[in-house]
């Protein structure tokens, strides 16, 4: 594993035994971009009430304040931006040269995001998320409780591990996290601008 240079967030604590928690739902920025680039196709596929719900979900703000991160015991965090949750996992583990293990099915994804991803053949785990963080905490259950009480969807998705392996558990499979790919939304935005 090659060290990834980045400035620490919080106390800069990322060590084996910590829980990995996702605060927020992944893919929101990707859904916003899809609504902007492919609104006609989305409106043709889904009823008006569902398109409205997709838009509301994408625009919904979560209040992840520094005080809340401290209350959760976040020793370190990574914003889930370009390349989605899979890129965030790669970056944070590489910055500390620590292994991780996580389960894809535990990552919070809104149903609206899943519907948009299925329509355009996008991977929700490789979409920019906006207002969504990956945190390393000592007690994931406590962090999820604090976040839930604040109305922020969250889940413990894995652990920081000894070594350098980045293990990914899927449905019936275990593999290793690959180097980050470009954000999936580029499939739509590049096509719309003629850059294919």
C-alpha atoms as a PDB file:
ATOM      1  CA  UNK A   1       0.000   0.000   0.000  1.00  0.00           C
ATOM      2  CA  UNK A   2       1.385   3.378  -1.001  1.00  0.00           C
ATOM      3  CA  UNK A   3       0.767   6.206   1.462  1.00  0.00           C
ATOM      4  CA  UNK A   4      -1.789   8.782   0.325  1.00  0.00           C
ATOM      5  CA  UNK A   5      -0.907  12.333   1.347  1.00  0.00           C
ATOM      6  CA  UNK A   6      -3.792  14.273   2.862  1.00  0.00           C
ATOM      7  CA  UNK A   7      -4.447  16.587   5.791  1.00  0.00           C
ATOM      8  CA  UNK A   8      -5.968  14.819   8.822  1.00  0.00           C
ATOM      9  CA  UNK A   9      -9.530  15.590   9.852  1.00  0.00           C
ATOM     10  CA  UNK A  10     -10.491  15.705  13.510  1.00  0.00           C
ATOM     11  CA  UNK A  11      -7.829  14.281  15.807  1.00  0.00           C
ATOM     12  CA  UNK A  12      -6.302  12.242  12.977  1.00  0.00           C
ATOM     13  CA  UNK A  13      -6.936   8.940  14.775  1.00  0.00           C
ATOM     14  CA  UNK A  14      -7.397   5.942  12.454  1.00  0.00           C
ATOM     15  CA  UNK A  15      -6.284   2.701  14.091  1.00  0.00           C
ATOM     16  CA  UNK A  16      -7.136  -1.010  14.168  1.00  0.00           C
ATOM     17  CA  UNK A  17     -10.239  -1.825  16.179  1.00  0.00           C
ATOM     18  CA  UNK A  18     -12.147   1.331  15.316  1.00  0.00           C
ATOM     19  CA  UNK A  19     -15.546   1.020  13.656  1.00  0.00           C
ATOM     20  CA  UNK A  20     -16.170   2.522  10.223  1.00  0.00           C
ATOM     21  CA  UNK A  21     -19.441   4.475  10.166  1.00  0.00           C
ATOM     22  CA  UNK A  22     -21.163   6.143   7.227  1.00  0.00           C
ATOM     23  CA  UNK A  23     -23.154   9.227   8.269  1.00  0.00           C
ATOM     24  CA  UNK A  24     -25.734  10.104   5.604  1.00  0.00           C
ATOM     25  CA  UNK A  25     -26.762   8.271   2.455  1.00  0.00           C
ATOM     26  CA  UNK A  26     -24.378   7.750  -0.443  1.00  0.00           C
ATOM     27  CA  UNK A  27     -24.903   9.017  -3.987  1.00  0.00           C
ATOM     28  CA  UNK A  28     -26.911  12.212  -3.384  1.00  0.00           C
ATOM     29  CA  UNK A  29     -24.721  14.484  -5.534  1.00  0.00           C
ATOM     30  CA  UNK A  30     -24.836  11.872  -8.275  1.00  0.00           C
ATOM     31  CA  UNK A  31     -28.630  11.869  -8.189  1.00  0.00           C
ATOM     32  CA  UNK A  32     -28.681  15.682  -8.376  1.00  0.00           C
ATOM     33  CA  UNK A  33     -26.394  15.575 -11.410  1.00  0.00           C
ATOM     34  CA  UNK A  34     -28.554  12.881 -13.031  1.00  0.00           C
ATOM     35  CA  UNK A  35     -31.671  15.027 -12.497  1.00  0.00           C
ATOM     36  CA  UNK A  36     -29.886  17.927 -14.159  1.00  0.00           C
ATOM     37  CA  UNK A  37     -28.453  15.946 -17.102  1.00  0.00           C
ATOM     38  CA  UNK A  38     -31.320  13.506 -17.739  1.00  0.00           C
ATOM     39  CA  UNK A  39     -34.508  15.074 -16.370  1.00  0.00           C
ATOM     40  CA  UNK A  40     -36.595  14.119 -19.436  1.00  0.00           C
ATOM     41  CA  UNK A  41     -35.615  10.441 -19.220  1.00  0.00           C
ATOM     42  CA  UNK A  42     -36.255  10.378 -15.456  1.00  0.00           C
ATOM     43  CA  UNK A  43     -39.665  12.054 -15.848  1.00  0.00           C
ATOM     44  CA  UNK A  44     -40.592   9.622 -18.636  1.00  0.00           C
ATOM     45  CA  UNK A  45     -39.686   6.608 -16.469  1.00  0.00           C
ATOM     46  CA  UNK A  46     -41.137   7.598 -13.076  1.00  0.00           C
ATOM     47  CA  UNK A  47     -44.437   9.176 -11.971  1.00  0.00           C
ATOM     48  CA  UNK A  48     -44.372  12.866 -11.061  1.00  0.00           C
ATOM     49  CA  UNK A  49     -44.710  12.197  -7.305  1.00  0.00           C
ATOM     50  CA  UNK A  50     -41.679   9.913  -7.389  1.00  0.00           C
ATOM     51  CA  UNK A  51     -39.560  12.428  -9.322  1.00  0.00           C
ATOM     52  CA  UNK A  52     -40.538  15.006  -6.690  1.00  0.00           C
ATOM     53  CA  UNK A  53     -39.451  12.587  -3.949  1.00  0.00           C
ATOM     54  CA  UNK A  54     -36.129  11.960  -5.768  1.00  0.00           C
ATOM     55  CA  UNK A  55     -35.516  15.713  -5.931  1.00  0.00           C
ATOM     56  CA  UNK A  56     -36.448  16.232  -2.259  1.00  0.00           C
ATOM     57  CA  UNK A  57     -34.159  13.383  -1.182  1.00  0.00           C
ATOM     58  CA  UNK A  58     -31.272  14.795  -3.237  1.00  0.00           C
ATOM     59  CA  UNK A  59     -31.793  18.307  -1.822  1.00  0.00           C
ATOM     60  CA  UNK A  60     -32.272  17.217   1.797  1.00  0.00           C
ATOM     61  CA  UNK A  61     -29.628  18.760   4.058  1.00  0.00           C
ATOM     62  CA  UNK A  62     -28.067  16.880   6.941  1.00  0.00           C
ATOM     63  CA  UNK A  63     -26.602  18.791   9.837  1.00  0.00           C
ATOM     64  CA  UNK A  64     -23.235  17.113  10.372  1.00  0.00           C
ATOM     65  CA  UNK A  65     -21.718  19.736  12.653  1.00  0.00           C
ATOM     66  CA  UNK A  66     -18.267  19.572  14.279  1.00  0.00           C
ATOM     67  CA  UNK A  67     -20.063  19.199  17.624  1.00  0.00           C
ATOM     68  CA  UNK A  68     -21.935  16.163  16.345  1.00  0.00           C
ATOM     69  CA  UNK A  69     -18.727  14.598  15.012  1.00  0.00           C
ATOM     70  CA  UNK A  70     -17.131  15.118  18.432  1.00  0.00           C
ATOM     71  CA  UNK A  71     -20.178  13.616  20.176  1.00  0.00           C
ATOM     72  CA  UNK A  72     -19.871  10.571  17.879  1.00  0.00           C
ATOM     73  CA  UNK A  73     -16.231  10.181  18.864  1.00  0.00           C
ATOM     74  CA  UNK A  74     -15.005  10.597  15.285  1.00  0.00           C
ATOM     75  CA  UNK A  75     -11.218  10.304  15.448  1.00  0.00           C
ATOM     76  CA  UNK A  76     -10.950  10.781  11.677  1.00  0.00           C
ATOM     77  CA  UNK A  77     -13.321  11.237   8.765  1.00  0.00           C
ATOM     78  CA  UNK A  78     -13.382  11.538   4.999  1.00  0.00           C
ATOM     79  CA  UNK A  79     -15.996  13.386   2.969  1.00  0.00           C
ATOM     80  CA  UNK A  80     -17.610  11.086   0.437  1.00  0.00           C
ATOM     81  CA  UNK A  81     -17.018  13.113  -2.700  1.00  0.00           C
ATOM     82  CA  UNK A  82     -15.545  12.349  -6.165  1.00  0.00           C
ATOM     83  CA  UNK A  83     -15.608   8.588  -6.752  1.00  0.00           C
ATOM     84  CA  UNK A  84     -18.047   7.881  -3.925  1.00  0.00           C
ATOM     85  CA  UNK A  85     -17.743   5.755  -0.806  1.00  0.00           C
ATOM     86  CA  UNK A  86     -15.298   3.336  -2.438  1.00  0.00           C
ATOM     87  CA  UNK A  87     -12.868   6.177  -3.173  1.00  0.00           C
ATOM     88  CA  UNK A  88     -13.293   7.542   0.381  1.00  0.00           C
ATOM     89  CA  UNK A  89     -12.461   4.121   1.856  1.00  0.00           C
ATOM     90  CA  UNK A  90      -9.377   3.863  -0.370  1.00  0.00           C
ATOM     91  CA  UNK A  91      -8.156   7.365   0.523  1.00  0.00           C
ATOM     92  CA  UNK A  92      -8.614   7.159   4.291  1.00  0.00           C
ATOM     93  CA  UNK A  93      -7.034   3.717   4.590  1.00  0.00           C
ATOM     94  CA  UNK A  94      -4.154   4.763   2.341  1.00  0.00           C
ATOM     95  CA  UNK A  95      -3.548   7.947   4.316  1.00  0.00           C
ATOM     96  CA  UNK A  96      -2.925   5.897   7.456  1.00  0.00           C
ATOM     97  CA  UNK A  97      -1.561   2.781   5.748  1.00  0.00           C
ATOM     98  CA  UNK A  98      -4.081   0.667   7.650  1.00  0.00           C
ATOM     99  CA  UNK A  99      -6.240  -2.187   6.498  1.00  0.00           C
ATOM    100  CA  UNK A 100     -10.026  -2.091   6.492  1.00  0.00           C
ATOM    101  CA  UNK A 101     -12.889  -4.525   6.109  1.00  0.00           C
ATOM    102  CA  UNK A 102     -16.402  -3.451   5.198  1.00  0.00           C
ATOM    103  CA  UNK A 103     -19.721  -4.794   3.908  1.00  0.00           C
ATOM    104  CA  UNK A 104     -21.301  -3.209   0.830  1.00  0.00           C
ATOM    105  CA  UNK A 105     -24.847  -4.132   1.879  1.00  0.00           C
ATOM    106  CA  UNK A 106     -24.508  -2.151   5.114  1.00  0.00           C
ATOM    107  CA  UNK A 107     -23.748   1.147   3.336  1.00  0.00           C
ATOM    108  CA  UNK A 108     -26.828   3.424   3.563  1.00  0.00           C
ATOM    109  CA  UNK A 109     -28.314   4.102   0.112  1.00  0.00           C
ATOM    110  CA  UNK A 110     -31.716   5.762  -0.430  1.00  0.00           C
ATOM    111  CA  UNK A 111     -34.212   3.844  -2.575  1.00  0.00           C
ATOM    112  CA  UNK A 112     -34.431   6.876  -4.877  1.00  0.00           C
ATOM    113  CA  UNK A 113     -30.693   6.626  -5.523  1.00  0.00           C
ATOM    114  CA  UNK A 114     -31.000   2.919  -6.309  1.00  0.00           C
ATOM    115  CA  UNK A 115     -33.805   3.624  -8.812  1.00  0.00           C
ATOM    116  CA  UNK A 116     -31.757   6.291 -10.630  1.00  0.00           C
ATOM    117  CA  UNK A 117     -28.677   4.048 -10.662  1.00  0.00           C
ATOM    118  CA  UNK A 118     -30.646   1.135 -12.123  1.00  0.00           C
ATOM    119  CA  UNK A 119     -32.144   3.388 -14.816  1.00  0.00           C
ATOM    120  CA  UNK A 120     -28.738   4.614 -16.012  1.00  0.00           C
ATOM    121  CA  UNK A 121     -26.592   1.591 -15.074  1.00  0.00           C
ATOM    122  CA  UNK A 122     -24.594   3.482 -12.433  1.00  0.00           C
ATOM    123  CA  UNK A 123     -22.814   2.113  -9.381  1.00  0.00           C
ATOM    124  CA  UNK A 124     -24.184   3.981  -6.310  1.00  0.00           C
ATOM    125  CA  UNK A 125     -20.973   3.253  -4.391  1.00  0.00           C
ATOM    126  CA  UNK A 126     -18.952   5.206  -6.970  1.00  0.00           C
ATOM    127  CA  UNK A 127     -21.144   8.344  -6.914  1.00  0.00           C
ATOM    128  CA  UNK A 128     -20.268  11.584  -5.149  1.00  0.00           C
ATOM    129  CA  UNK A 129     -22.468  11.889  -2.094  1.00  0.00           C
ATOM    130  CA  UNK A 130     -22.441  15.383  -0.617  1.00  0.00           C
ATOM    131  CA  UNK A 131     -23.084  15.903   3.095  1.00  0.00           C
ATOM    132  CA  UNK A 132     -22.084  12.324   3.744  1.00  0.00           C
ATOM    133  CA  UNK A 133     -19.053  11.254   5.752  1.00  0.00           C
ATOM    134  CA  UNK A 134     -17.056   8.115   6.406  1.00  0.00           C
ATOM    135  CA  UNK A 135     -15.924   8.175  10.047  1.00  0.00           C
ATOM    136  CA  UNK A 136     -13.569   6.090  12.174  1.00  0.00           C
ATOM    137  CA  UNK A 137     -14.978   5.860  15.720  1.00  0.00           C
ATOM    138  CA  UNK A 138     -14.309   3.793  18.839  1.00  0.00           C
ATOM    139  CA  UNK A 139     -17.947   2.753  19.290  1.00  0.00           C
ATOM    140  CA  UNK A 140     -19.991   2.607  16.093  1.00  0.00           C
ATOM    141  CA  UNK A 141     -23.227   1.696  17.877  1.00  0.00           C
ATOM    142  CA  UNK A 142     -23.060   4.844  20.000  1.00  0.00           C
ATOM    143  CA  UNK A 143     -22.267   6.989  16.952  1.00  0.00           C
ATOM    144  CA  UNK A 144     -25.202   5.552  14.975  1.00  0.00           C
ATOM    145  CA  UNK A 145     -27.528   6.221  17.928  1.00  0.00           C
ATOM    146  CA  UNK A 146     -26.417   9.876  18.149  1.00  0.00           C
ATOM    147  CA  UNK A 147     -26.809  10.345  14.392  1.00  0.00           C
ATOM    148  CA  UNK A 148     -30.210   8.604  14.300  1.00  0.00           C
ATOM    149  CA  UNK A 149     -31.502  10.864  17.085  1.00  0.00           C
ATOM    150  CA  UNK A 150     -30.475  13.831  14.899  1.00  0.00           C
ATOM    151  CA  UNK A 151     -32.385  12.361  11.925  1.00  0.00           C
ATOM    152  CA  UNK A 152     -29.242  11.410   9.988  1.00  0.00           C
ATOM    153  CA  UNK A 153     -29.268   7.922   8.433  1.00  0.00           C
ATOM    154  CA  UNK A 154     -26.112   6.037   9.351  1.00  0.00           C
ATOM    155  CA  UNK A 155     -24.630   2.580   9.730  1.00  0.00           C
ATOM    156  CA  UNK A 156     -21.579   0.735  10.961  1.00  0.00           C
ATOM    157  CA  UNK A 157     -20.148  -0.720   7.743  1.00  0.00           C
ATOM    158  CA  UNK A 158     -16.883  -2.275   8.920  1.00  0.00           C
ATOM    159  CA  UNK A 159     -13.654  -1.938  10.888  1.00  0.00           C
ATOM    160  CA  UNK A 160     -10.138  -0.600  10.706  1.00  0.00           C
ATOM    161  CA  UNK A 161      -7.866  -3.679  10.624  1.00  0.00           C
ATOM    162  CA  UNK A 162      -4.214  -4.505  11.208  1.00  0.00           C
ATOM    163  CA  UNK A 163      -2.196  -4.908   8.029  1.00  0.00           C
ATOM    164  CA  UNK A 164      -2.808  -3.297   4.671  1.00  0.00           C
ATOM    165  CA  UNK A 165      -5.627  -5.350   3.113  1.00  0.00           C
ATOM    166  CA  UNK A 166      -8.751  -3.501   2.029  1.00  0.00           C
ATOM    167  CA  UNK A 167     -11.359  -6.271   2.288  1.00  0.00           C
ATOM    168  CA  UNK A 168     -14.803  -5.824   0.773  1.00  0.00           C
ATOM    169  CA  UNK A 169     -17.606  -8.243   1.618  1.00  0.00           C
ATOM    170  CA  UNK A 170     -20.459  -8.491  -0.867  1.00  0.00           C
ATOM    171  CA  UNK A 171     -23.412 -10.833  -1.043  1.00  0.00           C
ATOM    172  CA  UNK A 172     -21.784 -14.261  -0.919  1.00  0.00           C
ATOM    173  CA  UNK A 173     -18.344 -12.956  -1.891  1.00  0.00           C
ATOM    174  CA  UNK A 174     -15.263 -11.424  -0.330  1.00  0.00           C
ATOM    175  CA  UNK A 175     -12.813  -9.456  -2.409  1.00  0.00           C
ATOM    176  CA  UNK A 176     -10.456  -6.535  -2.219  1.00  0.00           C
ATOM    177  CA  UNK A 177     -11.123  -2.881  -2.865  1.00  0.00           C
ATOM    178  CA  UNK A 178      -9.748  -1.707  -6.199  1.00  0.00           C
ATOM    179  CA  UNK A 179      -8.069   1.612  -6.935  1.00  0.00           C
ATOM    180  CA  UNK A 180     -10.730   4.371  -7.260  1.00  0.00           C
ATOM    181  CA  UNK A 181     -12.426   4.789 -10.620  1.00  0.00           C
ATOM    182  CA  UNK A 182     -13.808   8.076 -11.998  1.00  0.00           C
ATOM    183  CA  UNK A 183     -17.116   9.156 -10.507  1.00  0.00           C
ATOM    184  CA  UNK A 184     -19.958   7.226 -12.139  1.00  0.00           C
ATOM    185  CA  UNK A 185     -21.915  10.387 -12.874  1.00  0.00           C
ATOM    186  CA  UNK A 186     -19.401  11.174 -15.611  1.00  0.00           C
ATOM    187  CA  UNK A 187     -21.141   8.517 -17.695  1.00  0.00           C
ATOM    188  CA  UNK A 188     -24.132  10.882 -17.858  1.00  0.00           C
ATOM    189  CA  UNK A 189     -22.462  14.287 -17.812  1.00  0.00           C
ATOM    190  CA  UNK A 190     -19.853  13.354 -20.443  1.00  0.00           C
ATOM    191  CA  UNK A 191     -22.571  11.879 -22.678  1.00  0.00           C
ATOM    192  CA  UNK A 192     -24.671  15.036 -22.295  1.00  0.00           C
ATOM    193  CA  UNK A 193     -21.716  17.243 -23.260  1.00  0.00           C
ATOM    194  CA  UNK A 194     -20.618  14.980 -26.116  1.00  0.00           C
ATOM    195  CA  UNK A 195     -17.334  13.855 -24.485  1.00  0.00           C
ATOM    196  CA  UNK A 196     -17.928  10.113 -24.868  1.00  0.00           C
END
